[in-house]
Amino acid sequence: AANNGLKKLIQQKEALELSIIKMLGMPLLAWAVL
């Protein structure tokens, strides 16, 4: 995390949007499967 720079990384808007969707959507899908 330190090597890539947090501020610069968070500015990648499309990647950040997709990352949030993954981290919210995948657990919901797993919970439904369970």
PDB file of all heavy atoms in Angstrom:
ATOM      1  N   ALA A   1       0.828  -1.207   0.000  1.00  0.00           N
ATOM      2  CA  ALA A   1       0.000   0.000   0.000  1.00  0.00           C
ATOM      3  C   ALA A   1       0.860   1.254   0.000  1.00  0.00           C
ATOM      4  O   ALA A   1       0.586   2.222  -0.720  1.00  0.00           O
ATOM      5  CB  ALA A   1      -0.922  -0.010   1.214  1.00  0.00           C
ATOM      6  N   ALA A   2       1.925   1.257   0.789  1.00  0.00           N
ATOM      7  CA  ALA A   2       2.801   2.429   0.871  1.00  0.00           C
ATOM      8  C   ALA A   2       3.533   2.661  -0.443  1.00  0.00           C
ATOM      9  O   ALA A   2       3.760   3.806  -0.850  1.00  0.00           O
ATOM     10  CB  ALA A   2       3.807   2.234   2.008  1.00  0.00           C
ATOM     11  N   ASN A   3       3.879   1.581  -1.132  1.00  0.00           N
ATOM     12  CA  ASN A   3       4.638   1.687  -2.380  1.00  0.00           C
ATOM     13  C   ASN A   3       3.853   2.383  -3.484  1.00  0.00           C
ATOM     14  O   ASN A   3       4.430   3.055  -4.339  1.00  0.00           O
ATOM     15  CB  ASN A   3       5.054   0.289  -2.847  1.00  0.00           C
ATOM     16  CG  ASN A   3       5.829   0.318  -4.149  1.00  0.00           C
ATOM     17  OD1 ASN A   3       6.924   0.852  -4.219  1.00  0.00           O
ATOM     18  ND2 ASN A   3       5.255  -0.276  -5.186  1.00  0.00           N
ATOM     19  N   ASN A   4       2.552   2.258  -3.473  1.00  0.00           N
ATOM     20  CA  ASN A   4       1.738   2.788  -4.558  1.00  0.00           C
ATOM     21  C   ASN A   4       1.124   4.157  -4.253  1.00  0.00           C
ATOM     22  O   ASN A   4       0.553   4.767  -5.148  1.00  0.00           O
ATOM     23  CB  ASN A   4       0.628   1.792  -4.919  1.00  0.00           C
ATOM     24  CG  ASN A   4       1.167   0.579  -5.633  1.00  0.00           C
ATOM     25  OD1 ASN A   4       1.292   0.546  -6.837  1.00  0.00           O
ATOM     26  ND2 ASN A   4       1.532  -0.449  -4.856  1.00  0.00           N
ATOM     27  N   GLY A   5       1.231   4.631  -3.032  1.00  0.00           N
ATOM     28  CA  GLY A   5       0.719   5.957  -2.705  1.00  0.00           C
ATOM     29  C   GLY A   5      -0.798   5.972  -2.591  1.00  0.00           C
ATOM     30  O   GLY A   5      -1.504   5.804  -3.585  1.00  0.00           O
ATOM     31  N   LEU A   6      -1.293   6.176  -1.395  1.00  0.00           N
ATOM     32  CA  LEU A   6      -2.735   6.091  -1.148  1.00  0.00           C
ATOM     33  C   LEU A   6      -3.508   7.161  -1.908  1.00  0.00           C
ATOM     34  O   LEU A   6      -4.558   6.892  -2.496  1.00  0.00           O
ATOM     35  CB  LEU A   6      -3.002   6.213   0.354  1.00  0.00           C
ATOM     36  CG  LEU A   6      -2.450   5.089   1.235  1.00  0.00           C
ATOM     37  CD1 LEU A   6      -2.790   5.354   2.685  1.00  0.00           C
ATOM     38  CD2 LEU A   6      -3.018   3.755   0.796  1.00  0.00           C
ATOM     39  N   LYS A   7      -3.012   8.401  -1.874  1.00  0.00           N
ATOM     40  CA  LYS A   7      -3.733   9.508  -2.495  1.00  0.00           C
ATOM     41  C   LYS A   7      -3.895   9.291  -3.997  1.00  0.00           C
ATOM     42  O   LYS A   7      -4.989   9.454  -4.554  1.00  0.00           O
ATOM     43  CB  LYS A   7      -3.009  10.825  -2.228  1.00  0.00           C
ATOM     44  CG  LYS A   7      -3.749  12.046  -2.754  1.00  0.00           C
ATOM     45  CD  LYS A   7      -3.015  13.334  -2.386  1.00  0.00           C
ATOM     46  CE  LYS A   7      -3.757  14.553  -2.935  1.00  0.00           C
ATOM     47  NZ  LYS A   7      -3.043  15.828  -2.592  1.00  0.00           N
ATOM     48  N   LYS A   8      -2.826   8.908  -4.650  1.00  0.00           N
ATOM     49  CA  LYS A   8      -2.865   8.676  -6.097  1.00  0.00           C
ATOM     50  C   LYS A   8      -3.780   7.504  -6.428  1.00  0.00           C
ATOM     51  O   LYS A   8      -4.510   7.535  -7.435  1.00  0.00           O
ATOM     52  CB  LYS A   8      -1.458   8.413  -6.617  1.00  0.00           C
ATOM     53  CG  LYS A   8      -1.371   8.250  -8.123  1.00  0.00           C
ATOM     54  CD  LYS A   8       0.068   8.043  -8.567  1.00  0.00           C
ATOM     55  CE  LYS A   8       0.136   7.847 -10.083  1.00  0.00           C
ATOM     56  NZ  LYS A   8       1.549   7.624 -10.526  1.00  0.00           N
ATOM     57  N   LEU A   9      -3.749   6.490  -5.586  1.00  0.00           N
ATOM     58  CA  LEU A   9      -4.551   5.299  -5.837  1.00  0.00           C
ATOM     59  C   LEU A   9      -6.041   5.603  -5.716  1.00  0.00           C
ATOM     60  O   LEU A   9      -6.845   5.175  -6.558  1.00  0.00           O
ATOM     61  CB  LEU A   9      -4.153   4.211  -4.840  1.00  0.00           C
ATOM     62  CG  LEU A   9      -4.683   2.803  -5.072  1.00  0.00           C
ATOM     63  CD1 LEU A   9      -4.222   2.266  -6.420  1.00  0.00           C
ATOM     64  CD2 LEU A   9      -4.215   1.887  -3.949  1.00  0.00           C
ATOM     65  N   ILE A  10      -6.419   6.348  -4.698  1.00  0.00           N
ATOM     66  CA  ILE A  10      -7.827   6.666  -4.474  1.00  0.00           C
ATOM     67  C   ILE A  10      -8.389   7.555  -5.582  1.00  0.00           C
ATOM     68  O   ILE A  10      -9.598   7.572  -5.829  1.00  0.00           O
ATOM     69  CB  ILE A  10      -7.990   7.339  -3.088  1.00  0.00           C
ATOM     70  CG1 ILE A  10      -7.675   6.312  -1.995  1.00  0.00           C
ATOM     71  CG2 ILE A  10      -9.395   7.883  -2.887  1.00  0.00           C
ATOM     72  CD1 ILE A  10      -7.640   6.877  -0.611  1.00  0.00           C
ATOM     73  N   GLN A  11      -7.535   8.261  -6.301  1.00  0.00           N
ATOM     74  CA  GLN A  11      -7.977   9.133  -7.385  1.00  0.00           C
ATOM     75  C   GLN A  11      -8.372   8.363  -8.642  1.00  0.00           C
ATOM     76  O   GLN A  11      -8.920   8.953  -9.582  1.00  0.00           O
ATOM     77  CB  GLN A  11      -6.878  10.148  -7.725  1.00  0.00           C
ATOM     78  CG  GLN A  11      -6.674  11.199  -6.631  1.00  0.00           C
ATOM     79  CD  GLN A  11      -5.483  12.097  -6.891  1.00  0.00           C
ATOM     80  OE1 GLN A  11      -4.627  11.796  -7.734  1.00  0.00           O
ATOM     81  NE2 GLN A  11      -5.412  13.213  -6.187  1.00  0.00           N
ATOM     82  N   GLN A  12      -8.109   7.069  -8.672  1.00  0.00           N
ATOM     83  CA  GLN A  12      -8.517   6.236  -9.811  1.00  0.00           C
ATOM     84  C   GLN A  12     -10.007   5.921  -9.657  1.00  0.00           C
ATOM     85  O   GLN A  12     -10.391   4.911  -9.069  1.00  0.00           O
ATOM     86  CB  GLN A  12      -7.676   4.958  -9.857  1.00  0.00           C
ATOM     87  CG  GLN A  12      -6.180   5.175  -9.841  1.00  0.00           C
ATOM     88  CD  GLN A  12      -5.710   6.011 -11.004  1.00  0.00           C
ATOM     89  OE1 GLN A  12      -6.123   5.806 -12.156  1.00  0.00           O
ATOM     90  NE2 GLN A  12      -4.835   6.974 -10.738  1.00  0.00           N
ATOM     91  N   LYS A  13     -10.856   6.808 -10.174  1.00  0.00           N
ATOM     92  CA  LYS A  13     -12.286   6.778  -9.857  1.00  0.00           C
ATOM     93  C   LYS A  13     -12.979   5.502 -10.324  1.00  0.00           C
ATOM     94  O   LYS A  13     -13.770   4.909  -9.589  1.00  0.00           O
ATOM     95  CB  LYS A  13     -12.971   8.006 -10.454  1.00  0.00           C
ATOM     96  CG  LYS A  13     -12.520   9.309  -9.808  1.00  0.00           C
ATOM     97  CD  LYS A  13     -13.259  10.500 -10.382  1.00  0.00           C
ATOM     98  CE  LYS A  13     -12.819  11.792  -9.699  1.00  0.00           C
ATOM     99  NZ  LYS A  13     -13.519  12.979 -10.253  1.00  0.00           N
ATOM    100  N   GLU A  14     -12.722   5.070 -11.562  1.00  0.00           N
ATOM    101  CA  GLU A  14     -13.387   3.864 -12.055  1.00  0.00           C
ATOM    102  C   GLU A  14     -12.958   2.640 -11.243  1.00  0.00           C
ATOM    103  O   GLU A  14     -13.793   1.809 -10.865  1.00  0.00           O
ATOM    104  CB  GLU A  14     -13.073   3.649 -13.535  1.00  0.00           C
ATOM    105  CG  GLU A  14     -13.882   4.525 -14.473  1.00  0.00           C
ATOM    106  CD  GLU A  14     -13.690   4.116 -15.929  1.00  0.00           C
ATOM    107  OE1 GLU A  14     -12.829   3.264 -16.214  1.00  0.00           O
ATOM    108  OE2 GLU A  14     -14.426   4.649 -16.785  1.00  0.00           O
ATOM    109  N   ALA A  15     -11.662   2.532 -10.974  1.00  0.00           N
ATOM    110  CA  ALA A  15     -11.161   1.392 -10.205  1.00  0.00           C
ATOM    111  C   ALA A  15     -11.716   1.416  -8.790  1.00  0.00           C
ATOM    112  O   ALA A  15     -12.068   0.364  -8.233  1.00  0.00           O
ATOM    113  CB  ALA A  15      -9.634   1.417 -10.173  1.00  0.00           C
ATOM    114  N   LEU A  16     -11.820   2.603  -8.195  1.00  0.00           N
ATOM    115  CA  LEU A  16     -12.366   2.726  -6.842  1.00  0.00           C
ATOM    116  C   LEU A  16     -13.838   2.333  -6.806  1.00  0.00           C
ATOM    117  O   LEU A  16     -14.283   1.606  -5.912  1.00  0.00           O
ATOM    118  CB  LEU A  16     -12.195   4.164  -6.339  1.00  0.00           C
ATOM    119  CG  LEU A  16     -12.730   4.447  -4.919  1.00  0.00           C
ATOM    120  CD1 LEU A  16     -12.037   3.558  -3.894  1.00  0.00           C
ATOM    121  CD2 LEU A  16     -12.551   5.918  -4.578  1.00  0.00           C
ATOM    122  N   GLU A  17     -14.596   2.786  -7.798  1.00  0.00           N
ATOM    123  CA  GLU A  17     -16.019   2.442  -7.884  1.00  0.00           C
ATOM    124  C   GLU A  17     -16.208   0.930  -7.995  1.00  0.00           C
ATOM    125  O   GLU A  17     -17.021   0.340  -7.268  1.00  0.00           O
ATOM    126  CB  GLU A  17     -16.632   3.133  -9.100  1.00  0.00           C
ATOM    127  CG  GLU A  17     -18.071   2.745  -9.395  1.00  0.00           C
ATOM    128  CD  GLU A  17     -18.563   3.302 -10.730  1.00  0.00           C
ATOM    129  OE1 GLU A  17     -17.971   4.284 -11.232  1.00  0.00           O
ATOM    130  OE2 GLU A  17     -19.533   2.752 -11.278  1.00  0.00           O
ATOM    131  N   LEU A  18     -15.448   0.307  -8.872  1.00  0.00           N
ATOM    132  CA  LEU A  18     -15.568  -1.132  -9.066  1.00  0.00           C
ATOM    133  C   LEU A  18     -15.101  -1.908  -7.837  1.00  0.00           C
ATOM    134  O   LEU A  18     -15.666  -2.962  -7.505  1.00  0.00           O
ATOM    135  CB  LEU A  18     -14.758  -1.548 -10.297  1.00  0.00           C
ATOM    136  CG  LEU A  18     -15.315  -1.045 -11.638  1.00  0.00           C
ATOM    137  CD1 LEU A  18     -14.270  -1.170 -12.743  1.00  0.00           C
ATOM    138  CD2 LEU A  18     -16.571  -1.810 -12.008  1.00  0.00           C
ATOM    139  N   SER A  19     -14.093  -1.384  -7.157  1.00  0.00           N
ATOM    140  CA  SER A  19     -13.588  -2.042  -5.949  1.00  0.00           C
ATOM    141  C   SER A  19     -14.636  -2.031  -4.841  1.00  0.00           C
ATOM    142  O   SER A  19     -14.826  -3.036  -4.135  1.00  0.00           O
ATOM    143  CB  SER A  19     -12.309  -1.349  -5.464  1.00  0.00           C
ATOM    144  OG  SER A  19     -11.277  -1.451  -6.429  1.00  0.00           O
ATOM    145  N   ILE A  20     -15.312  -0.908  -4.682  1.00  0.00           N
ATOM    146  CA  ILE A  20     -16.357  -0.807  -3.657  1.00  0.00           C
ATOM    147  C   ILE A  20     -17.496  -1.769  -3.975  1.00  0.00           C
ATOM    148  O   ILE A  20     -18.040  -2.444  -3.089  1.00  0.00           O
ATOM    149  CB  ILE A  20     -16.873   0.640  -3.559  1.00  0.00           C
ATOM    150  CG1 ILE A  20     -15.768   1.545  -2.998  1.00  0.00           C
ATOM    151  CG2 ILE A  20     -18.126   0.718  -2.689  1.00  0.00           C
ATOM    152  CD1 ILE A  20     -16.110   3.019  -3.021  1.00  0.00           C
ATOM    153  N   ILE A  21     -17.858  -1.855  -5.259  1.00  0.00           N
ATOM    154  CA  ILE A  21     -18.930  -2.771  -5.671  1.00  0.00           C
ATOM    155  C   ILE A  21     -18.547  -4.218  -5.350  1.00  0.00           C
ATOM    156  O   ILE A  21     -19.362  -5.003  -4.856  1.00  0.00           O
ATOM    157  CB  ILE A  21     -19.222  -2.607  -7.172  1.00  0.00           C
ATOM    158  CG1 ILE A  21     -19.935  -1.273  -7.404  1.00  0.00           C
ATOM    159  CG2 ILE A  21     -20.069  -3.764  -7.703  1.00  0.00           C
ATOM    160  CD1 ILE A  21     -20.105  -0.924  -8.850  1.00  0.00           C
ATOM    161  N   LYS A  22     -17.300  -4.580  -5.617  1.00  0.00           N
ATOM    162  CA  LYS A  22     -16.845  -5.943  -5.307  1.00  0.00           C
ATOM    163  C   LYS A  22     -16.921  -6.219  -3.808  1.00  0.00           C
ATOM    164  O   LYS A  22     -17.432  -7.274  -3.393  1.00  0.00           O
ATOM    165  CB  LYS A  22     -15.399  -6.140  -5.770  1.00  0.00           C
ATOM    166  CG  LYS A  22     -14.793  -7.459  -5.265  1.00  0.00           C
ATOM    167  CD  LYS A  22     -13.357  -7.608  -5.674  1.00  0.00           C
ATOM    168  CE  LYS A  22     -12.710  -8.820  -5.009  1.00  0.00           C
ATOM    169  NZ  LYS A  22     -13.392 -10.094  -5.290  1.00  0.00           N
ATOM    170  N   MET A  23     -16.412  -5.279  -3.019  1.00  0.00           N
ATOM    171  CA  MET A  23     -16.305  -5.516  -1.585  1.00  0.00           C
ATOM    172  C   MET A  23     -17.651  -5.480  -0.865  1.00  0.00           C
ATOM    173  O   MET A  23     -17.767  -5.938   0.268  1.00  0.00           O
ATOM    174  CB  MET A  23     -15.335  -4.507  -0.967  1.00  0.00           C
ATOM    175  CG  MET A  23     -13.916  -4.613  -1.526  1.00  0.00           C
ATOM    176  SD  MET A  23     -13.205  -6.282  -1.414  1.00  0.00           S
ATOM    177  CE  MET A  23     -12.882  -6.397   0.342  1.00  0.00           C
ATOM    178  N   LEU A  24     -18.672  -4.937  -1.523  1.00  0.00           N
ATOM    179  CA  LEU A  24     -20.027  -4.980  -0.974  1.00  0.00           C
ATOM    180  C   LEU A  24     -20.859  -6.094  -1.607  1.00  0.00           C
ATOM    181  O   LEU A  24     -21.596  -6.805  -0.920  1.00  0.00           O
ATOM    182  CB  LEU A  24     -20.729  -3.630  -1.205  1.00  0.00           C
ATOM    183  CG  LEU A  24     -20.163  -2.430  -0.436  1.00  0.00           C
ATOM    184  CD1 LEU A  24     -20.922  -1.161  -0.833  1.00  0.00           C
ATOM    185  CD2 LEU A  24     -20.234  -2.647   1.067  1.00  0.00           C
ATOM    186  N   GLY A  25     -20.723  -6.250  -2.919  1.00  0.00           N
ATOM    187  CA  GLY A  25     -21.550  -7.200  -3.654  1.00  0.00           C
ATOM    188  C   GLY A  25     -21.193  -8.652  -3.423  1.00  0.00           C
ATOM    189  O   GLY A  25     -22.079  -9.513  -3.287  1.00  0.00           O
ATOM    190  N   MET A  26     -19.895  -8.970  -3.345  1.00  0.00           N
ATOM    191  CA  MET A  26     -19.492 -10.366  -3.179  1.00  0.00           C
ATOM    192  C   MET A  26     -19.954 -10.956  -1.846  1.00  0.00           C
ATOM    193  O   MET A  26     -20.488 -12.076  -1.809  1.00  0.00           O
ATOM    194  CB  MET A  26     -17.974 -10.487  -3.335  1.00  0.00           C
ATOM    195  CG  MET A  26     -17.465 -11.905  -3.336  1.00  0.00           C
ATOM    196  SD  MET A  26     -17.910 -12.831  -4.836  1.00  0.00           S
ATOM    197  CE  MET A  26     -16.500 -12.461  -5.878  1.00  0.00           C
ATOM    198  N   PRO A  27     -19.803 -10.244  -0.717  1.00  0.00           N
ATOM    199  CA  PRO A  27     -20.333 -10.805   0.544  1.00  0.00           C
ATOM    200  C   PRO A  27     -21.849 -11.004   0.521  1.00  0.00           C
ATOM    201  O   PRO A  27     -22.350 -11.980   1.080  1.00  0.00           O
ATOM    202  CB  PRO A  27     -19.936  -9.750   1.588  1.00  0.00           C
ATOM    203  CG  PRO A  27     -18.760  -9.061   1.004  1.00  0.00           C
ATOM    204  CD  PRO A  27     -19.009  -9.022  -0.468  1.00  0.00           C
ATOM    205  N   LEU A  28     -22.574 -10.092  -0.121  1.00  0.00           N
ATOM    206  CA  LEU A  28     -24.025 -10.251  -0.220  1.00  0.00           C
ATOM    207  C   LEU A  28     -24.386 -11.495  -1.027  1.00  0.00           C
ATOM    208  O   LEU A  28     -25.303 -12.235  -0.671  1.00  0.00           O
ATOM    209  CB  LEU A  28     -24.647  -9.007  -0.857  1.00  0.00           C
ATOM    210  CG  LEU A  28     -24.683  -7.750   0.023  1.00  0.00           C
ATOM    211  CD1 LEU A  28     -25.178  -6.556  -0.785  1.00  0.00           C
ATOM    212  CD2 LEU A  28     -25.569  -7.974   1.242  1.00  0.00           C
ATOM    213  N   LEU A  29     -23.660 -11.724  -2.112  1.00  0.00           N
ATOM    214  CA  LEU A  29     -23.888 -12.917  -2.929  1.00  0.00           C
ATOM    215  C   LEU A  29     -23.581 -14.177  -2.122  1.00  0.00           C
ATOM    216  O   LEU A  29     -24.341 -15.150  -2.154  1.00  0.00           O
ATOM    217  CB  LEU A  29     -23.014 -12.870  -4.183  1.00  0.00           C
ATOM    218  CG  LEU A  29     -23.039 -14.108  -5.089  1.00  0.00           C
ATOM    219  CD1 LEU A  29     -24.453 -14.377  -5.605  1.00  0.00           C
ATOM    220  CD2 LEU A  29     -22.064 -13.942  -6.263  1.00  0.00           C
ATOM    221  N   ALA A  30     -22.470 -14.153  -1.378  1.00  0.00           N
ATOM    222  CA  ALA A  30     -22.100 -15.318  -0.558  1.00  0.00           C
ATOM    223  C   ALA A  30     -23.146 -15.591   0.511  1.00  0.00           C
ATOM    224  O   ALA A  30     -23.505 -16.747   0.770  1.00  0.00           O
ATOM    225  CB  ALA A  30     -20.737 -15.079   0.087  1.00  0.00           C
ATOM    226  N   TRP A  31     -23.634 -14.523   1.155  1.00  0.00           N
ATOM    227  CA  TRP A  31     -24.670 -14.686   2.181  1.00  0.00           C
ATOM    228  C   TRP A  31     -25.925 -15.317   1.580  1.00  0.00           C
ATOM    229  O   TRP A  31     -26.547 -16.199   2.189  1.00  0.00           O
ATOM    230  CB  TRP A  31     -25.002 -13.329   2.799  1.00  0.00           C
ATOM    231  CG  TRP A  31     -26.149 -13.377   3.756  1.00  0.00           C
ATOM    232  CD1 TRP A  31     -26.136 -13.824   5.042  1.00  0.00           C
ATOM    233  CD2 TRP A  31     -27.508 -12.979   3.485  1.00  0.00           C
ATOM    234  NE1 TRP A  31     -27.389 -13.729   5.602  1.00  0.00           N
ATOM    235  CE2 TRP A  31     -28.252 -13.215   4.670  1.00  0.00           C
ATOM    236  CE3 TRP A  31     -28.152 -12.439   2.381  1.00  0.00           C
ATOM    237  CZ2 TRP A  31     -29.619 -12.932   4.749  1.00  0.00           C
ATOM    238  CZ3 TRP A  31     -29.502 -12.161   2.464  1.00  0.00           C
ATOM    239  CH2 TRP A  31     -30.220 -12.399   3.638  1.00  0.00           C
ATOM    240  N   ALA A  32     -26.309 -14.904   0.368  1.00  0.00           N
ATOM    241  CA  ALA A  32     -27.483 -15.475  -0.298  1.00  0.00           C
ATOM    242  C   ALA A  32     -27.265 -16.955  -0.604  1.00  0.00           C
ATOM    243  O   ALA A  32     -28.172 -17.784  -0.421  1.00  0.00           O
ATOM    244  CB  ALA A  32     -27.784 -14.702  -1.576  1.00  0.00           C
ATOM    245  N   VAL A  33     -26.060 -17.310  -1.044  1.00  0.00           N
ATOM    246  CA  VAL A  33     -25.750 -18.712  -1.343  1.00  0.00           C
ATOM    247  C   VAL A  33     -25.830 -19.563  -0.079  1.00  0.00           C
ATOM    248  O   VAL A  33     -26.324 -20.701  -0.102  1.00  0.00           O
ATOM    249  CB  VAL A  33     -24.351 -18.817  -1.988  1.00  0.00           C
ATOM    250  CG1 VAL A  33     -23.903 -20.283  -2.074  1.00  0.00           C
ATOM    251  CG2 VAL A  33     -24.355 -18.193  -3.385  1.00  0.00           C
ATOM    252  N   LEU A  34     -25.360 -19.004   1.043  1.00  0.00           N
ATOM    253  CA  LEU A  34     -25.347 -19.758   2.300  1.00  0.00           C
ATOM    254  C   LEU A  34     -26.741 -20.106   2.810  1.00  0.00           C
ATOM    255  O   LEU A  34     -26.894 -21.011   3.634  1.00  0.00           O
ATOM    256  CB  LEU A  34     -24.592 -18.964   3.371  1.00  0.00           C
ATOM    257  CG  LEU A  34     -23.071 -18.926   3.219  1.00  0.00           C
ATOM    258  CD1 LEU A  34     -22.450 -18.008   4.257  1.00  0.00           C
ATOM    259  CD2 LEU A  34     -22.476 -20.326   3.315  1.00  0.00           C
TER     260      LEU A  34
END
